[in-house]
Amino acid sequence: MPSHKSNFKRMRTSAKERERNRGYRSNLRAAVKDVREETSKAEALKKYAKAVLLLDRAASRGLIHKKTASRNKSRLSAFIQKLG
């Protein structure tokens, strides 16, 4: 346990931030998975737009690295191009 008063506050804020980030990360993974599970190109493109928005937002918040977001977007785009 922390011995300083400021450390107690830091523990509380860290816990809140951790929970918030878990939610963001969960939504992000679900959006990427939704694109991957799609079989029609038109529907995949709609879901891709949402996934890109979430990836960019996560990268700007520091939840994931910006190159990780870029790599995921690129791979999703290639997947959609393969759909007939």
PDB file of N, CA and C in Angstrom:
ATOM      1  N   MET A   1       0.828  -1.185   0.000  1.00  0.00           N
ATOM      2  CA  MET A   1       0.000   0.000   0.000  1.00  0.00           C
ATOM      3  C   MET A   1       0.876   1.254   0.000  1.00  0.00           C
ATOM      4  N   PRO A   2       0.375   2.291  -0.645  1.00  0.00           N
ATOM      5  CA  PRO A   2       1.169   3.527  -0.684  1.00  0.00           C
ATOM      6  C   PRO A   2       1.264   4.194   0.681  1.00  0.00           C
ATOM      7  N   SER A   3       2.345   4.878   0.871  1.00  0.00           N
ATOM      8  CA  SER A   3       2.538   5.549   2.150  1.00  0.00           C
ATOM      9  C   SER A   3       2.301   7.056   2.046  1.00  0.00           C
ATOM     10  N   HIS A   4       2.125   7.568   0.843  1.00  0.00           N
ATOM     11  CA  HIS A   4       1.877   9.001   0.655  1.00  0.00           C
ATOM     12  C   HIS A   4       0.450   9.229   0.195  1.00  0.00           C
ATOM     13  N   LYS A   5      -0.077  10.367   0.601  1.00  0.00           N
ATOM     14  CA  LYS A   5      -1.452  10.709   0.266  1.00  0.00           C
ATOM     15  C   LYS A   5      -1.648  10.810  -1.251  1.00  0.00           C
ATOM     16  N   SER A   6      -0.680  11.375  -1.929  1.00  0.00           N
ATOM     17  CA  SER A   6      -0.791  11.555  -3.380  1.00  0.00           C
ATOM     18  C   SER A   6      -0.785  10.211  -4.120  1.00  0.00           C
ATOM     19  N   ASN A   7      -0.165   9.207  -3.523  1.00  0.00           N
ATOM     20  CA  ASN A   7      -0.134   7.886  -4.148  1.00  0.00           C
ATOM     21  C   ASN A   7      -1.498   7.200  -4.110  1.00  0.00           C
ATOM     22  N   PHE A   8      -2.289   7.503  -3.087  1.00  0.00           N
ATOM     23  CA  PHE A   8      -3.642   6.951  -3.028  1.00  0.00           C
ATOM     24  C   PHE A   8      -4.475   7.493  -4.197  1.00  0.00           C
ATOM     25  N   LYS A   9      -4.332   8.795  -4.437  1.00  0.00           N
ATOM     26  CA  LYS A   9      -5.065   9.400  -5.555  1.00  0.00           C
ATOM     27  C   LYS A   9      -4.580   8.815  -6.877  1.00  0.00           C
ATOM     28  N   ARG A  10      -3.287   8.617  -6.991  1.00  0.00           N
ATOM     29  CA  ARG A  10      -2.733   8.059  -8.223  1.00  0.00           C
ATOM     30  C   ARG A  10      -3.290   6.655  -8.462  1.00  0.00           C
ATOM     31  N   MET A  11      -3.432   5.875  -7.402  1.00  0.00           N
ATOM     32  CA  MET A  11      -4.010   4.537  -7.532  1.00  0.00           C
ATOM     33  C   MET A  11      -5.447   4.610  -8.041  1.00  0.00           C
ATOM     34  N   ARG A  12      -6.214   5.551  -7.495  1.00  0.00           N
ATOM     35  CA  ARG A  12      -7.616   5.693  -7.929  1.00  0.00           C
ATOM     36  C   ARG A  12      -7.700   6.105  -9.390  1.00  0.00           C
ATOM     37  N   THR A  13      -6.922   7.103  -9.773  1.00  0.00           N
ATOM     38  CA  THR A  13      -6.992   7.577 -11.153  1.00  0.00           C
ATOM     39  C   THR A  13      -6.475   6.518 -12.124  1.00  0.00           C
ATOM     40  N   SER A  14      -5.468   5.780 -11.719  1.00  0.00           N
ATOM     41  CA  SER A  14      -4.947   4.711 -12.578  1.00  0.00           C
ATOM     42  C   SER A  14      -5.983   3.617 -12.784  1.00  0.00           C
ATOM     43  N   ALA A  15      -6.709   3.297 -11.742  1.00  0.00           N
ATOM     44  CA  ALA A  15      -7.747   2.266 -11.850  1.00  0.00           C
ATOM     45  C   ALA A  15      -8.858   2.708 -12.789  1.00  0.00           C
ATOM     46  N   LYS A  16      -9.275   3.973 -12.677  1.00  0.00           N
ATOM     47  CA  LYS A  16     -10.308   4.501 -13.571  1.00  0.00           C
ATOM     48  C   LYS A  16      -9.836   4.478 -15.019  1.00  0.00           C
ATOM     49  N   GLU A  17      -8.607   4.907 -15.231  1.00  0.00           N
ATOM     50  CA  GLU A  17      -8.052   4.951 -16.584  1.00  0.00           C
ATOM     51  C   GLU A  17      -7.910   3.552 -17.163  1.00  0.00           C
ATOM     52  N   ARG A  18      -7.505   2.609 -16.335  1.00  0.00           N
ATOM     53  CA  ARG A  18      -7.345   1.227 -16.787  1.00  0.00           C
ATOM     54  C   ARG A  18      -8.689   0.662 -17.244  1.00  0.00           C
ATOM     55  N   GLU A  19      -9.742   0.904 -16.469  1.00  0.00           N
ATOM     56  CA  GLU A  19     -11.075   0.428 -16.842  1.00  0.00           C
ATOM     57  C   GLU A  19     -11.552   1.081 -18.136  1.00  0.00           C
ATOM     58  N   ARG A  20     -11.315   2.369 -18.269  1.00  0.00           N
ATOM     59  CA  ARG A  20     -11.722   3.089 -19.469  1.00  0.00           C
ATOM     60  C   ARG A  20     -10.988   2.536 -20.688  1.00  0.00           C
ATOM     61  N   ASN A  21      -9.698   2.318 -20.548  1.00  0.00           N
ATOM     62  CA  ASN A  21      -8.902   1.788 -21.661  1.00  0.00           C
ATOM     63  C   ASN A  21      -9.328   0.376 -22.027  1.00  0.00           C
ATOM     64  N   ARG A  22      -9.726  -0.412 -21.033  1.00  0.00           N
ATOM     65  CA  ARG A  22     -10.204  -1.769 -21.334  1.00  0.00           C
ATOM     66  C   ARG A  22     -11.437  -1.708 -22.218  1.00  0.00           C
ATOM     67  N   GLY A  23     -12.316  -0.770 -21.934  1.00  0.00           N
ATOM     68  CA  GLY A  23     -13.516  -0.607 -22.746  1.00  0.00           C
ATOM     69  C   GLY A  23     -13.193  -0.187 -24.161  1.00  0.00           C
ATOM     70  N   TYR A  24     -12.306   0.799 -24.302  1.00  0.00           N
ATOM     71  CA  TYR A  24     -11.903   1.252 -25.634  1.00  0.00           C
ATOM     72  C   TYR A  24     -11.281   0.113 -26.434  1.00  0.00           C
ATOM     73  N   ARG A  25     -10.379  -0.627 -25.765  1.00  0.00           N
ATOM     74  CA  ARG A  25      -9.678  -1.712 -26.443  1.00  0.00           C
ATOM     75  C   ARG A  25     -10.644  -2.819 -26.853  1.00  0.00           C
ATOM     76  N   SER A  26     -11.615  -3.091 -26.002  1.00  0.00           N
ATOM     77  CA  SER A  26     -12.607  -4.115 -26.300  1.00  0.00           C
ATOM     78  C   SER A  26     -13.437  -3.720 -27.522  1.00  0.00           C
ATOM     79  N   ASN A  27     -13.902  -2.476 -27.570  1.00  0.00           N
ATOM     80  CA  ASN A  27     -14.665  -1.994 -28.721  1.00  0.00           C
ATOM     81  C   ASN A  27     -13.836  -2.025 -29.989  1.00  0.00           C
ATOM     82  N   LEU A  28     -12.571  -1.686 -29.870  1.00  0.00           N
ATOM     83  CA  LEU A  28     -11.672  -1.688 -31.014  1.00  0.00           C
ATOM     84  C   LEU A  28     -11.508  -3.100 -31.576  1.00  0.00           C
ATOM     85  N   ARG A  29     -11.253  -4.050 -30.701  1.00  0.00           N
ATOM     86  CA  ARG A  29     -11.067  -5.432 -31.148  1.00  0.00           C
ATOM     87  C   ARG A  29     -12.343  -5.987 -31.770  1.00  0.00           C
ATOM     88  N   ALA A  30     -13.485  -5.637 -31.190  1.00  0.00           N
ATOM     89  CA  ALA A  30     -14.765  -6.105 -31.729  1.00  0.00           C
ATOM     90  C   ALA A  30     -15.007  -5.534 -33.118  1.00  0.00           C
ATOM     91  N   ALA A  31     -14.661  -4.273 -33.334  1.00  0.00           N
ATOM     92  CA  ALA A  31     -14.860  -3.645 -34.645  1.00  0.00           C
ATOM     93  C   ALA A  31     -13.988  -4.304 -35.704  1.00  0.00           C
ATOM     94  N   VAL A  32     -12.739  -4.600 -35.344  1.00  0.00           N
ATOM     95  CA  VAL A  32     -11.830  -5.262 -36.290  1.00  0.00           C
ATOM     96  C   VAL A  32     -12.334  -6.669 -36.599  1.00  0.00           C
ATOM     97  N   LYS A  33     -12.819  -7.351 -35.581  1.00  0.00           N
ATOM     98  CA  LYS A  33     -13.339  -8.702 -35.763  1.00  0.00           C
ATOM     99  C   LYS A  33     -14.583  -8.694 -36.649  1.00  0.00           C
ATOM    100  N   ASP A  34     -15.426  -7.676 -36.499  1.00  0.00           N
ATOM    101  CA  ASP A  34     -16.633  -7.567 -37.323  1.00  0.00           C
ATOM    102  C   ASP A  34     -16.275  -7.442 -38.806  1.00  0.00           C
ATOM    103  N   VAL A  35     -15.236  -6.689 -39.094  1.00  0.00           N
ATOM    104  CA  VAL A  35     -14.802  -6.553 -40.492  1.00  0.00           C
ATOM    105  C   VAL A  35     -14.299  -7.893 -41.009  1.00  0.00           C
ATOM    106  N   ARG A  36     -13.506  -8.572 -40.213  1.00  0.00           N
ATOM    107  CA  ARG A  36     -12.925  -9.860 -40.623  1.00  0.00           C
ATOM    108  C   ARG A  36     -13.978 -10.934 -40.869  1.00  0.00           C
ATOM    109  N   GLU A  37     -15.097 -10.883 -40.145  1.00  0.00           N
ATOM    110  CA  GLU A  37     -16.125 -11.906 -40.267  1.00  0.00           C
ATOM    111  C   GLU A  37     -17.076 -11.659 -41.439  1.00  0.00           C
ATOM    112  N   GLU A  38     -16.974 -10.473 -42.034  1.00  0.00           N
ATOM    113  CA  GLU A  38     -17.897 -10.111 -43.106  1.00  0.00           C
ATOM    114  C   GLU A  38     -17.551 -10.838 -44.401  1.00  0.00           C
ATOM    115  N   THR A  39     -18.588 -11.240 -45.151  1.00  0.00           N
ATOM    116  CA  THR A  39     -18.357 -11.955 -46.418  1.00  0.00           C
ATOM    117  C   THR A  39     -18.687 -11.091 -47.636  1.00  0.00           C
ATOM    118  N   SER A  40     -19.518 -10.070 -47.459  1.00  0.00           N
ATOM    119  CA  SER A  40     -19.827  -9.197 -48.595  1.00  0.00           C
ATOM    120  C   SER A  40     -18.956  -7.942 -48.530  1.00  0.00           C
ATOM    121  N   LYS A  41     -18.508  -7.512 -49.694  1.00  0.00           N
ATOM    122  CA  LYS A  41     -17.595  -6.378 -49.759  1.00  0.00           C
ATOM    123  C   LYS A  41     -18.269  -5.083 -49.311  1.00  0.00           C
ATOM    124  N   ALA A  42     -19.524  -4.885 -49.689  1.00  0.00           N
ATOM    125  CA  ALA A  42     -20.230  -3.649 -49.332  1.00  0.00           C
ATOM    126  C   ALA A  42     -20.389  -3.506 -47.824  1.00  0.00           C
ATOM    127  N   GLU A  43     -20.796  -4.585 -47.177  1.00  0.00           N
ATOM    128  CA  GLU A  43     -20.957  -4.541 -45.718  1.00  0.00           C
ATOM    129  C   GLU A  43     -19.604  -4.387 -45.031  1.00  0.00           C
ATOM    130  N   ALA A  44     -18.588  -5.041 -45.572  1.00  0.00           N
ATOM    131  CA  ALA A  44     -17.252  -4.949 -44.984  1.00  0.00           C
ATOM    132  C   ALA A  44     -16.738  -3.514 -45.042  1.00  0.00           C
ATOM    133  N   LEU A  45     -17.031  -2.805 -46.133  1.00  0.00           N
ATOM    134  CA  LEU A  45     -16.583  -1.416 -46.264  1.00  0.00           C
ATOM    135  C   LEU A  45     -17.256  -0.518 -45.230  1.00  0.00           C
ATOM    136  N   LYS A  46     -18.534  -0.771 -44.938  1.00  0.00           N
ATOM    137  CA  LYS A  46     -19.230   0.018 -43.918  1.00  0.00           C
ATOM    138  C   LYS A  46     -18.593  -0.202 -42.548  1.00  0.00           C
ATOM    139  N   LYS A  47     -18.318  -1.447 -42.239  1.00  0.00           N
ATOM    140  CA  LYS A  47     -17.726  -1.768 -40.941  1.00  0.00           C
ATOM    141  C   LYS A  47     -16.265  -1.315 -40.875  1.00  0.00           C
ATOM    142  N   TYR A  48     -15.609  -1.300 -42.044  1.00  0.00           N
ATOM    143  CA  TYR A  48     -14.222  -0.849 -42.118  1.00  0.00           C
ATOM    144  C   TYR A  48     -14.116   0.627 -41.720  1.00  0.00           C
ATOM    145  N   ALA A  49     -15.082   1.431 -42.161  1.00  0.00           N
ATOM    146  CA  ALA A  49     -15.068   2.857 -41.832  1.00  0.00           C
ATOM    147  C   ALA A  49     -15.137   3.063 -40.313  1.00  0.00           C
ATOM    148  N   LYS A  50     -15.962   2.277 -39.648  1.00  0.00           N
ATOM    149  CA  LYS A  50     -16.065   2.379 -38.189  1.00  0.00           C
ATOM    150  C   LYS A  50     -14.767   1.924 -37.525  1.00  0.00           C
ATOM    151  N   ALA A  51     -14.190   0.839 -38.043  1.00  0.00           N
ATOM    152  CA  ALA A  51     -12.953   0.317 -37.461  1.00  0.00           C
ATOM    153  C   ALA A  51     -11.808   1.319 -37.623  1.00  0.00           C
ATOM    154  N   VAL A  52     -11.735   1.971 -38.763  1.00  0.00           N
ATOM    155  CA  VAL A  52     -10.685   2.966 -39.005  1.00  0.00           C
ATOM    156  C   VAL A  52     -10.819   4.126 -38.026  1.00  0.00           C
ATOM    157  N   LEU A  53     -12.049   4.562 -37.808  1.00  0.00           N
ATOM    158  CA  LEU A  53     -12.298   5.648 -36.866  1.00  0.00           C
ATOM    159  C   LEU A  53     -11.808   5.265 -35.467  1.00  0.00           C
ATOM    160  N   LEU A  54     -12.145   4.059 -35.042  1.00  0.00           N
ATOM    161  CA  LEU A  54     -11.729   3.606 -33.713  1.00  0.00           C
ATOM    162  C   LEU A  54     -10.219   3.418 -33.620  1.00  0.00           C
ATOM    163  N   LEU A  55      -9.602   2.901 -34.681  1.00  0.00           N
ATOM    164  CA  LEU A  55      -8.152   2.715 -34.684  1.00  0.00           C
ATOM    165  C   LEU A  55      -7.428   4.054 -34.581  1.00  0.00           C
ATOM    166  N   ASP A  56      -7.885   5.035 -35.364  1.00  0.00           N
ATOM    167  CA  ASP A  56      -7.248   6.348 -35.324  1.00  0.00           C
ATOM    168  C   ASP A  56      -7.435   7.011 -33.966  1.00  0.00           C
ATOM    169  N   ARG A  57      -8.617   6.859 -33.395  1.00  0.00           N
ATOM    170  CA  ARG A  57      -8.885   7.454 -32.089  1.00  0.00           C
ATOM    171  C   ARG A  57      -8.016   6.803 -31.015  1.00  0.00           C
ATOM    172  N   ALA A  58      -7.874   5.486 -31.083  1.00  0.00           N
ATOM    173  CA  ALA A  58      -7.047   4.778 -30.099  1.00  0.00           C
ATOM    174  C   ALA A  58      -5.586   5.192 -30.229  1.00  0.00           C
ATOM    175  N   ALA A  59      -5.135   5.386 -31.462  1.00  0.00           N
ATOM    176  CA  ALA A  59      -3.747   5.804 -31.678  1.00  0.00           C
ATOM    177  C   ALA A  59      -3.518   7.221 -31.155  1.00  0.00           C
ATOM    178  N   SER A  60      -4.485   8.101 -31.364  1.00  0.00           N
ATOM    179  CA  SER A  60      -4.308   9.482 -30.906  1.00  0.00           C
ATOM    180  C   SER A  60      -4.337   9.574 -29.385  1.00  0.00           C
ATOM    181  N   ARG A  61      -5.059   8.670 -28.738  1.00  0.00           N
ATOM    182  CA  ARG A  61      -5.121   8.664 -27.277  1.00  0.00           C
ATOM    183  C   ARG A  61      -3.937   7.949 -26.648  1.00  0.00           C
ATOM    184  N   GLY A  62      -3.133   7.271 -27.457  1.00  0.00           N
ATOM    185  CA  GLY A  62      -1.988   6.552 -26.920  1.00  0.00           C
ATOM    186  C   GLY A  62      -2.324   5.156 -26.452  1.00  0.00           C
ATOM    187  N   LEU A  63      -3.510   4.689 -26.786  1.00  0.00           N
ATOM    188  CA  LEU A  63      -3.914   3.340 -26.387  1.00  0.00           C
ATOM    189  C   LEU A  63      -3.130   2.297 -27.172  1.00  0.00           C
ATOM    190  N   ILE A  64      -2.929   2.568 -28.461  1.00  0.00           N
ATOM    191  CA  ILE A  64      -2.074   1.734 -29.300  1.00  0.00           C
ATOM    192  C   ILE A  64      -1.115   2.661 -30.046  1.00  0.00           C
ATOM    193  N   HIS A  65      -0.042   2.107 -30.546  1.00  0.00           N
ATOM    194  CA  HIS A  65       0.927   2.893 -31.294  1.00  0.00           C
ATOM    195  C   HIS A  65       0.344   3.259 -32.650  1.00  0.00           C
ATOM    196  N   LYS A  66       0.743   4.414 -33.191  1.00  0.00           N
ATOM    197  CA  LYS A  66       0.153   4.852 -34.459  1.00  0.00           C
ATOM    198  C   LYS A  66       0.536   3.922 -35.611  1.00  0.00           C
ATOM    199  N   LYS A  67       1.700   3.296 -35.535  1.00  0.00           N
ATOM    200  CA  LYS A  67       2.079   2.351 -36.596  1.00  0.00           C
ATOM    201  C   LYS A  67       1.295   1.051 -36.483  1.00  0.00           C
ATOM    202  N   THR A  68       0.896   0.687 -35.284  1.00  0.00           N
ATOM    203  CA  THR A  68       0.033  -0.477 -35.096  1.00  0.00           C
ATOM    204  C   THR A  68      -1.321  -0.209 -35.733  1.00  0.00           C
ATOM    205  N   ALA A  69      -1.844   0.981 -35.532  1.00  0.00           N
ATOM    206  CA  ALA A  69      -3.126   1.359 -36.141  1.00  0.00           C
ATOM    207  C   ALA A  69      -3.010   1.326 -37.661  1.00  0.00           C
ATOM    208  N   SER A  70      -1.928   1.860 -38.173  1.00  0.00           N
ATOM    209  CA  SER A  70      -1.714   1.889 -39.619  1.00  0.00           C
ATOM    210  C   SER A  70      -1.611   0.477 -40.186  1.00  0.00           C
ATOM    211  N   ARG A  71      -0.909  -0.382 -39.490  1.00  0.00           N
ATOM    212  CA  ARG A  71      -0.752  -1.774 -39.944  1.00  0.00           C
ATOM    213  C   ARG A  71      -2.104  -2.491 -39.960  1.00  0.00           C
ATOM    214  N   ASN A  72      -2.894  -2.284 -38.918  1.00  0.00           N
ATOM    215  CA  ASN A  72      -4.215  -2.915 -38.866  1.00  0.00           C
ATOM    216  C   ASN A  72      -5.115  -2.415 -39.979  1.00  0.00           C
ATOM    217  N   LYS A  73      -5.088  -1.105 -40.244  1.00  0.00           N
ATOM    218  CA  LYS A  73      -5.903  -0.550 -41.320  1.00  0.00           C
ATOM    219  C   LYS A  73      -5.480  -1.116 -42.669  1.00  0.00           C
ATOM    220  N   SER A  74      -4.190  -1.237 -42.866  1.00  0.00           N
ATOM    221  CA  SER A  74      -3.670  -1.767 -44.126  1.00  0.00           C
ATOM    222  C   SER A  74      -4.091  -3.216 -44.332  1.00  0.00           C
ATOM    223  N   ARG A  75      -3.998  -4.015 -43.290  1.00  0.00           N
ATOM    224  CA  ARG A  75      -4.368  -5.426 -43.397  1.00  0.00           C
ATOM    225  C   ARG A  75      -5.870  -5.596 -43.615  1.00  0.00           C
ATOM    226  N   LEU A  76      -6.664  -4.762 -42.954  1.00  0.00           N
ATOM    227  CA  LEU A  76      -8.109  -4.823 -43.171  1.00  0.00           C
ATOM    228  C   LEU A  76      -8.467  -4.415 -44.598  1.00  0.00           C
ATOM    229  N   SER A  77      -7.786  -3.406 -45.087  1.00  0.00           N
ATOM    230  CA  SER A  77      -8.032  -2.956 -46.458  1.00  0.00           C
ATOM    231  C   SER A  77      -7.683  -4.045 -47.465  1.00  0.00           C
ATOM    232  N   ALA A  78      -6.574  -4.720 -47.247  1.00  0.00           N
ATOM    233  CA  ALA A  78      -6.178  -5.820 -48.139  1.00  0.00           C
ATOM    234  C   ALA A  78      -7.186  -6.952 -48.073  1.00  0.00           C
ATOM    235  N   PHE A  79      -7.704  -7.215 -46.883  1.00  0.00           N
ATOM    236  CA  PHE A  79      -8.718  -8.267 -46.719  1.00  0.00           C
ATOM    237  C   PHE A  79      -9.969  -7.918 -47.514  1.00  0.00           C
ATOM    238  N   ILE A  80     -10.384  -6.668 -47.446  1.00  0.00           N
ATOM    239  CA  ILE A  80     -11.598  -6.237 -48.166  1.00  0.00           C
ATOM    240  C   ILE A  80     -11.384  -6.316 -49.676  1.00  0.00           C
ATOM    241  N   GLN A  81     -10.193  -5.999 -50.137  1.00  0.00           N
ATOM    242  CA  GLN A  81      -9.920  -6.053 -51.566  1.00  0.00           C
ATOM    243  C   GLN A  81      -9.997  -7.483 -52.099  1.00  0.00           C
ATOM    244  N   LYS A  82      -9.703  -8.451 -51.253  1.00  0.00           N
ATOM    245  CA  LYS A  82      -9.771  -9.854 -51.665  1.00  0.00           C
ATOM    246  C   LYS A  82     -11.208 -10.361 -51.756  1.00  0.00           C
ATOM    247  N   LEU A  83     -12.117  -9.676 -51.034  1.00  0.00           N
ATOM    248  CA  LEU A  83     -13.515 -10.104 -51.110  1.00  0.00           C
ATOM    249  C   LEU A  83     -14.064  -9.848 -52.503  1.00  0.00           C
ATOM    250  N   GLY A  84     -14.864 -10.766 -52.985  1.00  0.00           N
ATOM    251  CA  GLY A  84     -15.370 -10.644 -54.351  1.00  0.00           C
ATOM    252  C   GLY A  84     -16.669  -9.909 -54.387  1.00  0.00           C
TER     253      GLY A  84
END
